[in-house]
Amino acid sequence: MGPRTRSLLAAAAVLVACQLVPLPARAQGRFEAFQNRAAQVFDVVVLRPLGLCQAAVGAALFVPAAVVTAPGGKDAVEEAWEMFVVVPAKNVFQRPLGDF
């Protein structure tokens, strides 16, 4: 093997090594994209319907909660409104998909 062949083999080995180095980073990016899609599917199939049920039940429970908190004043009723109605509605309708 001549010096030219050795230098070509060394250059080829360096190029192959450079191509192998970023593979874990590319695989990590693909895995994160898969996780993001899986989280979005789980959110749409499981969490959003449960959140919609939670919003409906919270709206129904707000009425007795408002009666109980009414002696505490307007601020107490607004706090009950926020906890029973606004937070579940935001979780269902405004939260980005896959963002828990």
Protein backbone atom coordinates (compact mmCIF):
# COMPACT_ATOMS: atom_id res chain seq x y z
CA MET A 1 0.00 0.00 0.00
CA GLY A 2 1.42 3.29 -1.10
CA PRO A 3 1.39 6.60 0.76
CA ARG A 4 -1.38 7.95 -1.46
CA THR A 5 -3.64 4.96 -0.70
CA ARG A 6 -2.96 5.34 3.02
CA SER A 7 -3.85 9.01 2.96
CA LEU A 8 -7.08 8.25 1.02
CA LEU A 9 -7.99 5.56 3.54
CA ALA A 10 -7.26 7.93 6.42
CA ALA A 11 -9.41 10.64 4.82
CA ALA A 12 -12.21 8.13 4.27
CA ALA A 13 -11.95 6.99 7.90
CA VAL A 14 -12.16 10.60 9.10
CA LEU A 15 -15.25 11.24 6.92
CA VAL A 16 -16.95 8.11 8.21
CA ALA A 17 -16.15 9.06 11.81
CA CYS A 18 -17.58 12.55 11.24
CA GLN A 19 -20.81 11.05 9.92
CA LEU A 20 -21.18 8.75 12.93
CA VAL A 21 -20.78 11.45 15.56
CA PRO A 22 -24.09 13.33 15.00
CA LEU A 23 -26.22 10.15 14.85
CA PRO A 24 -27.16 10.18 18.54
CA ALA A 25 -28.25 13.82 18.21
CA ARG A 26 -30.44 13.00 15.20
CA ALA A 27 -31.90 9.99 16.98
CA GLN A 28 -32.61 12.12 20.04
CA GLY A 29 -34.43 14.66 17.88
CA ARG A 30 -36.57 11.95 16.30
CA PHE A 31 -37.36 10.47 19.72
CA GLU A 32 -38.41 13.87 21.06
CA ALA A 33 -40.64 14.40 18.02
CA PHE A 34 -42.21 10.98 18.63
CA GLN A 35 -42.75 11.79 22.30
CA ASN A 36 -44.36 15.09 21.35
CA ARG A 37 -46.75 13.39 18.91
CA ALA A 38 -47.58 10.68 21.45
CA ALA A 39 -48.29 13.33 24.08
CA GLN A 40 -50.57 15.17 21.66
CA VAL A 41 -52.50 11.99 20.80
CA PHE A 42 -52.87 11.14 24.50
CA ASP A 43 -54.06 14.68 25.13
CA VAL A 44 -56.71 14.53 22.38
CA VAL A 45 -57.92 11.00 23.09
CA VAL A 46 -57.85 10.92 26.90
CA LEU A 47 -57.24 14.23 28.61
CA ARG A 48 -59.44 16.59 26.58
CA PRO A 49 -62.61 14.47 27.00
CA LEU A 50 -61.88 14.14 30.72
CA GLY A 51 -61.27 17.88 30.90
CA LEU A 52 -64.57 18.54 29.15
CA CYS A 53 -66.32 16.38 31.76
CA GLN A 54 -64.47 18.24 34.48
CA ALA A 55 -65.59 21.58 33.03
CA ALA A 56 -69.23 20.44 32.89
CA VAL A 57 -69.17 19.08 36.45
CA GLY A 58 -67.38 22.20 37.66
CA ALA A 59 -70.02 24.42 36.08
CA ALA A 60 -72.74 22.38 37.79
CA LEU A 61 -70.95 22.49 41.15
CA PHE A 62 -70.34 26.21 40.88
CA VAL A 63 -73.98 26.96 41.67
CA PRO A 64 -73.93 25.41 45.18
CA ALA A 65 -70.40 26.71 45.71
CA ALA A 66 -71.57 30.22 44.87
CA VAL A 67 -74.41 29.89 47.39
CA VAL A 68 -71.97 28.74 50.08
CA THR A 69 -69.36 31.41 49.31
CA ALA A 70 -71.83 34.29 48.78
CA PRO A 71 -71.68 35.42 52.43
CA GLY A 72 -67.92 35.91 51.90
CA GLY A 73 -68.59 38.60 49.31
CA LYS A 74 -67.98 39.11 45.63
CA ASP A 75 -64.31 38.09 45.82
CA ALA A 76 -65.18 34.69 47.26
CA VAL A 77 -67.73 34.02 44.50
CA GLU A 78 -65.21 35.11 41.84
CA GLU A 79 -62.63 32.75 43.35
CA ALA A 80 -65.13 29.89 43.20
CA TRP A 81 -65.95 30.81 39.58
CA GLU A 82 -62.26 30.76 38.74
CA MET A 83 -61.66 27.39 40.39
CA PHE A 84 -64.78 25.57 39.21
CA VAL A 85 -65.32 27.01 35.72
CA VAL A 86 -62.43 29.06 34.33
CA VAL A 87 -59.48 26.76 35.09
CA PRO A 88 -61.10 23.60 33.63
CA ALA A 89 -62.31 25.53 30.58
CA LYS A 90 -58.82 26.92 29.94
CA ASN A 91 -57.36 23.42 30.25
CA VAL A 92 -59.78 22.11 27.62
CA PHE A 93 -60.01 24.98 25.15
CA GLN A 94 -56.86 27.12 25.45
CA ARG A 95 -54.00 24.86 26.52
CA PRO A 96 -51.73 23.82 23.63
CA LEU A 97 -51.88 20.16 22.64
CA GLY A 98 -49.41 17.99 24.49
CA ASP A 99 -48.56 20.72 27.00
CA PHE A 100 -49.37 19.33 30.43
